[in-house]
C-alpha atoms as a PDB file:
ATOM      1  CA  MET A   1      47.176  35.280 -35.790  1.00  0.00           C
ATOM      2  CA  SER A   2      45.366  32.013 -36.289  1.00  0.00           C
ATOM      3  CA  GLY A   3      43.024  30.578 -33.670  1.00  0.00           C
ATOM      4  CA  TRP A   4      40.268  28.028 -33.010  1.00  0.00           C
ATOM      5  CA  GLN A   5      36.483  28.116 -32.794  1.00  0.00           C
ATOM      6  CA  ASN A   6      33.547  25.965 -31.728  1.00  0.00           C
ATOM      7  CA  SER A   7      29.797  26.553 -31.623  1.00  0.00           C
ATOM      8  CA  SER A   8      30.161  29.273 -28.969  1.00  0.00           C
ATOM      9  CA  VAL A   9      33.563  30.812 -29.400  1.00  0.00           C
ATOM     10  CA  SER A  10      34.422  33.230 -32.264  1.00  0.00           C
ATOM     11  CA  LEU A  11      37.542  32.798 -34.279  1.00  0.00           C
ATOM     12  CA  LEU A  12      40.436  34.543 -32.415  1.00  0.00           C
ATOM     13  CA  SER A  13      42.238  37.265 -34.215  1.00  0.00           C
ATOM     14  CA  GLY A  14      44.715  40.002 -33.341  1.00  0.00           C
ATOM     15  CA  LYS A  15      42.375  43.024 -33.323  1.00  0.00           C
ATOM     16  CA  ALA A  16      39.611  44.816 -35.182  1.00  0.00           C
ATOM     17  CA  ASN A  17      38.848  48.550 -35.104  1.00  0.00           C
ATOM     18  CA  LEU A  18      35.677  49.679 -33.506  1.00  0.00           C
ATOM     19  CA  LEU A  19      36.090  53.427 -33.519  1.00  0.00           C
ATOM     20  CA  ASN A  20      38.660  55.822 -35.031  1.00  0.00           C
ATOM     21  CA  SER A  21      37.277  59.391 -34.365  1.00  0.00           C
ATOM     22  CA  GLU A  22      38.366  62.572 -36.022  1.00  0.00           C
ATOM     23  CA  PRO A  23      39.221  65.253 -33.488  1.00  0.00           C
ATOM     24  CA  THR A  24      35.918  66.322 -32.030  1.00  0.00           C
ATOM     25  CA  GLY A  25      35.044  69.485 -30.002  1.00  0.00           C
ATOM     26  CA  ILE A  26      33.013  69.053 -26.726  1.00  0.00           C
ATOM     27  CA  GLY A  27      31.687  72.349 -25.249  1.00  0.00           C
ATOM     28  CA  PRO A  28      31.685  73.348 -21.601  1.00  0.00           C
ATOM     29  CA  GLY A  29      29.350  71.011 -19.675  1.00  0.00           C
ATOM     30  CA  GLY A  30      28.619  69.108 -22.881  1.00  0.00           C
ATOM     31  CA  GLN A  31      28.909  65.615 -23.942  1.00  0.00           C
ATOM     32  CA  ILE A  32      29.293  63.395 -26.943  1.00  0.00           C
ATOM     33  CA  VAL A  33      28.208  59.717 -27.507  1.00  0.00           C
ATOM     34  CA  PHE A  34      30.092  57.190 -29.525  1.00  0.00           C
ATOM     35  CA  GLY A  35      27.995  54.143 -30.398  1.00  0.00           C
ATOM     36  CA  ALA A  36      26.369  51.906 -29.867  1.00  0.00           C
ATOM     37  CA  LEU A  37      29.396  50.057 -31.312  1.00  0.00           C
ATOM     38  CA  LEU A  38      27.881  46.747 -32.197  1.00  0.00           C
ATOM     39  CA  SER A  39      29.509  43.365 -32.870  1.00  0.00           C
ATOM     40  CA  VAL A  40      31.953  43.314 -29.989  1.00  0.00           C
ATOM     41  CA  ILE A  41      32.758  39.578 -30.436  1.00  0.00           C
ATOM     42  CA  GLN A  42      36.299  39.397 -29.111  1.00  0.00           C
ATOM     43  CA  THR A  43      37.506  39.093 -25.528  1.00  0.00           C
ATOM     44  CA  SER A  44      38.975  42.573 -24.883  1.00  0.00           C
ATOM     45  CA  TYR A  45      39.115  46.216 -25.850  1.00  0.00           C
ATOM     46  CA  GLU A  46      42.062  48.673 -26.315  1.00  0.00           C
ATOM     47  CA  ILE A  47      41.558  52.394 -26.268  1.00  0.00           C
ATOM     48  CA  PHE A  48      43.706  55.411 -26.994  1.00  0.00           C
ATOM     49  CA  ILE A  49      42.537  59.056 -26.166  1.00  0.00           C
ATOM     50  CA  ASN A  50      44.152  62.473 -26.761  1.00  0.00           C
ATOM     51  CA  CYS A  51      42.446  65.365 -25.031  1.00  0.00           C
ATOM     52  CA  VAL A  52      43.353  69.028 -25.274  1.00  0.00           C
ATOM     53  CA  ASP A  53      41.828  72.421 -24.394  1.00  0.00           C
ATOM     54  CA  SER A  54      40.806  74.379 -27.495  1.00  0.00           C
ATOM     55  CA  ALA A  55      41.529  77.681 -25.795  1.00  0.00           C
ATOM     56  CA  GLY A  56      43.336  78.878 -22.626  1.00  0.00           C
ATOM     57  CA  GLY A  57      41.925  79.398 -19.209  1.00  0.00           C
ATOM     58  CA  ASN A  58      39.856  76.157 -18.763  1.00  0.00           C
ATOM     59  CA  VAL A  59      38.795  75.850 -15.090  1.00  0.00           C
ATOM     60  CA  ASN A  60      38.113  72.354 -13.824  1.00  0.00           C
ATOM     61  CA  PRO A  61      39.880  70.824 -16.924  1.00  0.00           C
ATOM     62  CA  PHE A  62      38.633  67.233 -16.519  1.00  0.00           C
ATOM     63  CA  VAL A  63      36.715  64.965 -18.692  1.00  0.00           C
ATOM     64  CA  VAL A  64      34.673  61.865 -17.814  1.00  0.00           C
ATOM     65  CA  VAL A  65      34.667  58.801 -20.040  1.00  0.00           C
ATOM     66  CA  GLU A  66      31.787  56.318 -19.480  1.00  0.00           C
ATOM     67  CA  MET A  67      32.187  52.738 -20.926  1.00  0.00           C
ATOM     68  CA  SER A  68      28.715  51.186 -21.094  1.00  0.00           C
ATOM     69  CA  TRP A  69      28.344  47.546 -22.066  1.00  0.00           C
ATOM     70  CA  SER A  70      25.112  46.000 -22.975  1.00  0.00           C
ATOM     71  CA  ASN A  71      23.440  42.900 -24.443  1.00  0.00           C
ATOM     72  CA  SER A  72      22.243  43.564 -28.091  1.00  0.00           C
ATOM     73  CA  SER A  73      19.353  41.038 -27.868  1.00  0.00           C
ATOM     74  CA  THR A  74      17.805  42.657 -24.779  1.00  0.00           C
ATOM     75  CA  GLY A  75      19.370  46.131 -24.503  1.00  0.00           C
ATOM     76  CA  GLN A  76      20.225  45.347 -20.855  1.00  0.00           C
ATOM     77  CA  ILE A  77      23.253  47.163 -19.545  1.00  0.00           C
ATOM     78  CA  VAL A  78      25.604  44.573 -18.085  1.00  0.00           C
ATOM     79  CA  ALA A  79      28.603  46.608 -16.974  1.00  0.00           C
ATOM     80  CA  GLN A  80      29.821  50.222 -16.697  1.00  0.00           C
ATOM     81  CA  GLU A  81      33.136  51.934 -16.012  1.00  0.00           C
ATOM     82  CA  PHE A  82      33.793  55.642 -15.393  1.00  0.00           C
ATOM     83  CA  TRP A  83      37.179  57.044 -15.941  1.00  0.00           C
ATOM     84  CA  THR A  84      38.106  60.747 -15.197  1.00  0.00           C
ATOM     85  CA  ILE A  85      40.981  62.190 -17.142  1.00  0.00           C
ATOM     86  CA  ALA A  86      42.581  65.659 -17.580  1.00  0.00           C
ATOM     87  CA  SER A  87      42.837  67.714 -20.786  1.00  0.00           C
ATOM     88  CA  GLY A  88      46.139  69.343 -21.822  1.00  0.00           C
ATOM     89  CA  ILE A  89      46.704  73.080 -22.119  1.00  0.00           C
ATOM     90  CA  ALA A  90      45.680  74.562 -25.431  1.00  0.00           C
ATOM     91  CA  THR A  91      49.245  75.381 -26.500  1.00  0.00           C
ATOM     92  CA  GLY A  92      50.415  71.794 -25.758  1.00  0.00           C
ATOM     93  CA  PRO A  93      50.034  68.440 -27.538  1.00  0.00           C
ATOM     94  CA  GLY A  94      47.335  67.374 -25.134  1.00  0.00           C
ATOM     95  CA  GLN A  95      47.128  64.737 -22.656  1.00  0.00           C
ATOM     96  CA  ASP A  96      47.457  61.101 -24.028  1.00  0.00           C
ATOM     97  CA  TYR A  97      45.939  58.013 -22.355  1.00  0.00           C
ATOM     98  CA  GLN A  98      45.829  54.414 -23.202  1.00  0.00           C
ATOM     99  CA  GLY A  99      43.797  51.678 -21.751  1.00  0.00           C
ATOM    100  CA  THR A 100      42.921  48.050 -21.974  1.00  0.00           C
ATOM    101  CA  GLY A 101      40.373  45.646 -20.323  1.00  0.00           C
ATOM    102  CA  PRO A 102      38.020  42.672 -20.805  1.00  0.00           C
ATOM    103  CA  ALA A 103      34.898  43.025 -22.937  1.00  0.00           C
ATOM    104  CA  LYS A 104      31.707  42.685 -20.882  1.00  0.00           C
ATOM    105  CA  GLY A 105      28.980  42.679 -23.537  1.00  0.00           C
ATOM    106  CA  ASP A 106      28.526  42.551 -27.265  1.00  0.00           C
ATOM    107  CA  THR A 107      27.479  46.239 -27.592  1.00  0.00           C
ATOM    108  CA  LEU A 108      29.693  49.156 -26.286  1.00  0.00           C
ATOM    109  CA  THR A 109      28.595  52.790 -25.958  1.00  0.00           C
ATOM    110  CA  ILE A 110      31.073  55.491 -24.929  1.00  0.00           C
ATOM    111  CA  THR A 111      29.853  58.763 -23.448  1.00  0.00           C
ATOM    112  CA  VAL A 112      32.407  61.582 -22.911  1.00  0.00           C
ATOM    113  CA  ILE A 113      31.445  64.426 -20.553  1.00  0.00           C
ATOM    114  CA  ASN A 114      33.318  67.705 -20.476  1.00  0.00           C
ATOM    115  CA  THR A 115      33.148  69.029 -16.882  1.00  0.00           C
ATOM    116  CA  GLY A 116      35.192  72.138 -17.590  1.00  0.00           C
ATOM    117  CA  THR A 117      34.536  75.739 -18.429  1.00  0.00           C
ATOM    118  CA  GLY A 118      36.136  75.599 -21.931  1.00  0.00           C
ATOM    119  CA  GLN A 119      35.885  73.461 -25.016  1.00  0.00           C
ATOM    120  CA  VAL A 120      38.000  70.391 -25.334  1.00  0.00           C
ATOM    121  CA  ILE A 121      39.143  68.608 -28.434  1.00  0.00           C
ATOM    122  CA  LEU A 122      39.068  64.788 -28.129  1.00  0.00           C
ATOM    123  CA  THR A 123      40.414  62.102 -30.379  1.00  0.00           C
ATOM    124  CA  MET A 124      39.620  58.564 -29.656  1.00  0.00           C
ATOM    125  CA  LEU A 125      40.649  55.078 -31.078  1.00  0.00           C
ATOM    126  CA  VAL A 126      39.071  51.920 -29.858  1.00  0.00           C
ATOM    127  CA  ASN A 127      39.863  48.343 -31.019  1.00  0.00           C
ATOM    128  CA  GLN A 128      38.502  44.916 -29.970  1.00  0.00           C
ATOM    129  CA  SER A 129      41.119  42.267 -29.424  1.00  0.00           C
ATOM    130  CA  SER A 130      41.571  38.624 -28.626  1.00  0.00           C
ATOM    131  CA  ARG A 131      44.335  39.474 -26.099  1.00  0.00           C
ATOM    132  CA  ILE A 132      43.576  38.475 -22.458  1.00  0.00           C
ATOM    133  CA  TYR A 133      43.491  41.479 -20.041  1.00  0.00           C
ATOM    134  CA  PRO A 134      42.482  40.482 -16.498  1.00  0.00           C
ATOM    135  CA  ARG A 135      41.271  43.980 -15.477  1.00  0.00           C
ATOM    136  CA  ASP A 136      40.559  47.437 -16.717  1.00  0.00           C
ATOM    137  CA  ASP A 137      43.810  49.330 -16.801  1.00  0.00           C
ATOM    138  CA  TRP A 138      44.021  52.950 -18.098  1.00  0.00           C
ATOM    139  CA  ARG A 139      47.149  54.971 -17.772  1.00  0.00           C
ATOM    140  CA  SER A 140      48.590  58.355 -18.911  1.00  0.00           C
ATOM    141  CA  VAL A 141      51.106  58.014 -21.680  1.00  0.00           C
ATOM    142  CA  ALA A 142      54.432  59.613 -20.719  1.00  0.00           C
ATOM    143  CA  PRO A 143      55.443  62.366 -20.783  1.00  0.00           C
ATOM    144  CA  CYS A 144      52.338  64.010 -19.309  1.00  0.00           C
ATOM    145  CA  SER A 145      51.731  67.494 -20.761  1.00  0.00           C
ATOM    146  CA  ALA A 146      50.656  70.467 -18.843  1.00  0.00           C
ATOM    147  CA  VAL A 147      47.132  70.839 -17.412  1.00  0.00           C
ATOM    148  CA  ASN A 148      45.674  74.361 -16.950  1.00  0.00           C
ATOM    149  CA  GLY A 149      45.920  75.369 -13.279  1.00  0.00           C
ATOM    150  CA  TRP A 150      47.987  72.418 -12.303  1.00  0.00           C
ATOM    151  CA  THR A 151      51.657  71.397 -11.808  1.00  0.00           C
ATOM    152  CA  ASN A 152      52.756  67.872 -12.813  1.00  0.00           C
ATOM    153  CA  PRO A 153      55.406  66.198 -10.740  1.00  0.00           C
ATOM    154  CA  ASN A 154      58.462  64.506 -12.148  1.00  0.00           C
ATOM    155  CA  SER A 155      57.108  61.145 -13.199  1.00  0.00           C
ATOM    156  CA  ASN A 156      57.571  58.078 -15.353  1.00  0.00           C
ATOM    157  CA  GLY A 157      54.272  56.121 -15.531  1.00  0.00           C
ATOM    158  CA  PRO A 158      55.519  53.393 -17.786  1.00  0.00           C
ATOM    159  CA  GLY A 159      58.424  52.869 -15.398  1.00  0.00           C
ATOM    160  CA  GLY A 160      56.100  52.681 -12.396  1.00  0.00           C
ATOM    161  CA  ILE A 161      56.848  56.070 -10.953  1.00  0.00           C
ATOM    162  CA  LEU A 162      53.929  58.459 -10.470  1.00  0.00           C
ATOM    163  CA  ALA A 163      55.794  61.239  -8.644  1.00  0.00           C
ATOM    164  CA  THR A 164      59.273  61.933  -7.392  1.00  0.00           C
ATOM    165  CA  SER A 165      60.617  65.287  -6.214  1.00  0.00           C
ATOM    166  CA  SER A 166      62.986  66.990  -3.812  1.00  0.00           C
ATOM    167  CA  ILE A 167      61.463  70.414  -3.022  1.00  0.00           C
ATOM    168  CA  THR A 168      61.744  73.088  -0.392  1.00  0.00           C
ATOM    169  CA  ILE A 169      58.508  74.134   1.195  1.00  0.00           C
ATOM    170  CA  GLY A 170      58.225  77.126   3.499  1.00  0.00           C
ATOM    171  CA  ALA A 171      56.740  77.056   6.992  1.00  0.00           C
ATOM    172  CA  GLY A 172      52.948  76.726   6.574  1.00  0.00           C
ATOM    173  CA  SER A 173      53.047  76.404   2.836  1.00  0.00           C
ATOM    174  CA  SER A 174      52.207  73.529   0.677  1.00  0.00           C
ATOM    175  CA  ILE A 175      52.609  72.178  -2.855  1.00  0.00           C
ATOM    176  CA  THR A 176      49.998  70.403  -5.038  1.00  0.00           C
ATOM    177  CA  ARG A 177      50.807  68.049  -7.836  1.00  0.00           C
ATOM    178  CA  LEU A 178      48.514  66.280 -10.461  1.00  0.00           C
ATOM    179  CA  MET A 179      49.885  62.813 -11.014  1.00  0.00           C
ATOM    180  CA  PRO A 180      49.597  60.628 -14.052  1.00  0.00           C
ATOM    181  CA  LEU A 181      46.434  58.465 -14.358  1.00  0.00           C
ATOM    182  CA  TYR A 182      46.622  55.041 -12.713  1.00  0.00           C
ATOM    183  CA  ALA A 183      43.955  53.008 -10.954  1.00  0.00           C
ATOM    184  CA  GLY A 184      45.388  50.535  -8.457  1.00  0.00           C
ATOM    185  CA  MET A 185      47.596  50.139  -5.454  1.00  0.00           C
ATOM    186  CA  ILE A 186      50.369  52.670  -4.992  1.00  0.00           C
ATOM    187  CA  SER A 187      53.105  53.179  -2.410  1.00  0.00           C
ATOM    188  CA  TRP A 188      54.042  56.698  -1.228  1.00  0.00           C
ATOM    189  CA  TRP A 189      56.824  58.067   1.037  1.00  0.00           C
ATOM    190  CA  VAL A 190      57.752  61.456   2.347  1.00  0.00           C
ATOM    191  CA  THR A 191      60.943  62.318   4.017  1.00  0.00           C
ATOM    192  CA  PRO A 192      61.486  65.944   5.546  1.00  0.00           C
ATOM    193  CA  GLY A 193      65.074  67.442   5.803  1.00  0.00           C
ATOM    194  CA  ALA A 194      64.365  68.944   9.182  1.00  0.00           C
ATOM    195  CA  ALA A 195      62.389  68.103  12.366  1.00  0.00           C
ATOM    196  CA  VAL A 196      59.063  69.570  11.158  1.00  0.00           C
ATOM    197  CA  THR A 197      55.578  68.241  11.040  1.00  0.00           C
ATOM    198  CA  TRP A 198      53.779  67.757   7.745  1.00  0.00           C
ATOM    199  CA  THR A 199      50.532  66.482   6.174  1.00  0.00           C
ATOM    200  CA  MET A 200      49.942  64.546   2.972  1.00  0.00           C
ATOM    201  CA  GLN A 201      46.596  64.530   1.272  1.00  0.00           C
ATOM    202  CA  PHE A 202      45.518  62.564  -1.841  1.00  0.00           C
ATOM    203  CA  THR A 203      42.444  63.734  -3.763  1.00  0.00           C
ATOM    204  CA  ALA A 204      40.684  62.067  -6.743  1.00  0.00           C
ATOM    205  CA  GLN A 205      39.587  64.533  -9.311  1.00  0.00           C
ATOM    206  CA  ASP A 206      36.416  62.545  -9.685  1.00  0.00           C
ATOM    207  CA  LYS A 207      33.576  64.315 -11.345  1.00  0.00           C
ATOM    208  CA  VAL A 208      31.209  61.523 -11.945  1.00  0.00           C
ATOM    209  CA  ALA A 209      28.512  62.004  -9.305  1.00  0.00           C
ATOM    210  CA  THR A 210      28.015  65.715  -9.940  1.00  0.00           C
ATOM    211  CA  PRO A 211      30.141  67.008 -13.020  1.00  0.00           C
ATOM    212  CA  GLY A 212      31.863  70.215 -11.859  1.00  0.00           C
ATOM    213  CA  SER A 213      31.546  69.453  -8.238  1.00  0.00           C
ATOM    214  CA  SER A 214      34.434  69.744  -5.712  1.00  0.00           C
ATOM    215  CA  SER A 215      37.007  67.000  -5.700  1.00  0.00           C
ATOM    216  CA  GLN A 216      36.848  63.934  -3.429  1.00  0.00           C
ATOM    217  CA  LEU A 217      39.376  63.545  -0.598  1.00  0.00           C
ATOM    218  CA  MET A 218      40.699  60.090  -0.545  1.00  0.00           C
ATOM    219  CA  TYR A 219      43.364  60.057   2.110  1.00  0.00           C
ATOM    220  CA  PHE A 220      44.916  62.283   4.707  1.00  0.00           C
ATOM    221  CA  THR A 221      47.703  61.716   7.188  1.00  0.00           C
ATOM    222  CA  GLU A 222      49.659  63.961   9.664  1.00  0.00           C
ATOM    223  CA  SER A 223      53.208  63.210  10.812  1.00  0.00           C
ATOM    224  CA  THR A 224      55.039  63.619  14.012  1.00  0.00           C
ATOM    225  CA  ALA A 225      57.979  66.188  14.054  1.00  0.00           C
ATOM    226  CA  GLY A 226      60.889  65.204  11.792  1.00  0.00           C
ATOM    227  CA  ALA A 227      59.390  61.630  10.945  1.00  0.00           C
ATOM    228  CA  SER A 228      59.310  60.139   7.536  1.00  0.00           C
ATOM    229  CA  GLY A 229      56.095  58.467   6.591  1.00  0.00           C
ATOM    230  CA  GLY A 230      54.210  56.642   4.017  1.00  0.00           C
ATOM    231  CA  GLN A 231      51.772  53.939   3.230  1.00  0.00           C
ATOM    232  CA  GLN A 232      50.158  51.769   0.565  1.00  0.00           C
ATOM    233  CA  ILE A 233      46.830  53.071  -0.684  1.00  0.00           C
ATOM    234  CA  PRO A 234      44.501  52.296  -3.732  1.00  0.00           C
ATOM    235  CA  LEU A 235      43.838  54.973  -6.411  1.00  0.00           C
ATOM    236  CA  PRO A 236      40.379  54.896  -8.119  1.00  0.00           C
ATOM    237  CA  ARG A 237      39.575  55.286 -11.759  1.00  0.00           C
ATOM    238  CA  ALA A 238      40.233  59.095 -11.751  1.00  0.00           C
ATOM    239  CA  ILE A 239      43.319  61.158 -12.260  1.00  0.00           C
ATOM    240  CA  THR A 240      44.599  62.039  -8.692  1.00  0.00           C
ATOM    241  CA  SER A 241      46.526  64.867  -7.029  1.00  0.00           C
ATOM    242  CA  TYR A 242      48.410  65.091  -3.798  1.00  0.00           C
ATOM    243  CA  LEU A 243      48.839  68.078  -1.489  1.00  0.00           C
ATOM    244  CA  LEU A 244      52.035  68.152   0.813  1.00  0.00           C
ATOM    245  CA  LYS A 245      51.997  70.797   3.471  1.00  0.00           C
ATOM    246  CA  ASN A 246      54.775  71.847   5.816  1.00  0.00           C
ATOM    247  CA  THR A 247      52.982  72.453   9.101  1.00  0.00           C
ATOM    248  CA  GLY A 248      56.308  73.123  10.955  1.00  0.00           C
ATOM    249  CA  SER A 249      57.845  76.450  11.861  1.00  0.00           C
ATOM    250  CA  VAL A 250      60.818  76.431   9.461  1.00  0.00           C
ATOM    251  CA  ALA A 251      61.300  75.790   5.743  1.00  0.00           C
ATOM    252  CA  THR A 252      62.860  72.486   4.735  1.00  0.00           C
ATOM    253  CA  THR A 253      63.318  70.275   1.764  1.00  0.00           C
ATOM    254  CA  PHE A 254      60.941  67.272   1.355  1.00  0.00           C
ATOM    255  CA  VAL A 255      61.727  64.200  -0.685  1.00  0.00           C
ATOM    256  CA  VAL A 256      58.509  62.712  -2.170  1.00  0.00           C
ATOM    257  CA  PHE A 257      58.083  59.375  -3.999  1.00  0.00           C
ATOM    258  CA  VAL A 258      54.918  57.813  -5.280  1.00  0.00           C
ATOM    259  CA  GLY A 259      55.145  54.470  -7.047  1.00  0.00           C
ATOM    260  CA  ILE A 260      52.945  51.885  -8.573  1.00  0.00           C
ATOM    261  CA  GLN A 261      52.624  48.622  -6.744  1.00  0.00           C
ATOM    262  CA  GLU A 262      51.627  45.893  -9.179  1.00  0.00           C
ATOM    263  CA  ALA A 263      51.216  42.254  -8.553  1.00  0.00           C
ATOM    264  CA  PRO A 264      53.478  39.949 -10.572  1.00  0.00           C
ATOM    265  CA  GLN A 265      51.928  38.649 -13.740  1.00  0.00           C
END
């Protein structure tokens, strides 16, 4: 792709590779640093990550990816982003993620923290690009693989659907589902098949403040008997789960839908 330049703008081009890592092991509670990746001279970045447990039984199978942007002439950090992702089970292909966003400095350092109890194997590809991305946007690549200790809902992230199900839940019982990664506004809806009360709880699996700490409750609502309910809420830069509980006295089938609400481009 050809472009233009003047005294302050670099020649535009399609993309240039910053990092193409081999599969790298990160031990329990450990971390690895990629960078500093100098000469970030283009307008944006594109990232691809594959993360998988190296053995079974990983508790708290989440990984924090820190993007730290700085100025090479001063060393001053000018921007940071934290993303919490999940690792796939050892017998599977791993969880895949892709992300894009604007460049915020000419030096990029990426720190990956394993908050789990088992080693993970991480592979990462990072490009710089002249494409224009208005915001940081990381997402799971469909189909999501299994995560130790969790159940994934039916989903189609690229199609804008984070969860869809029709499932029977007994009186006083609940289901928990780990949705694909998406940071932004969502719309959710629950419809019970009988006149029962229910609760819906969204929890970010955010381990940034204290790696290995308990999850952060984002949203909780309680219905009236037999009523459908839903709302638009924002999700953070962390893979998020929901817990739907039947607080009624009889079992019934619940229809659940969680969809991405994106502004037109």
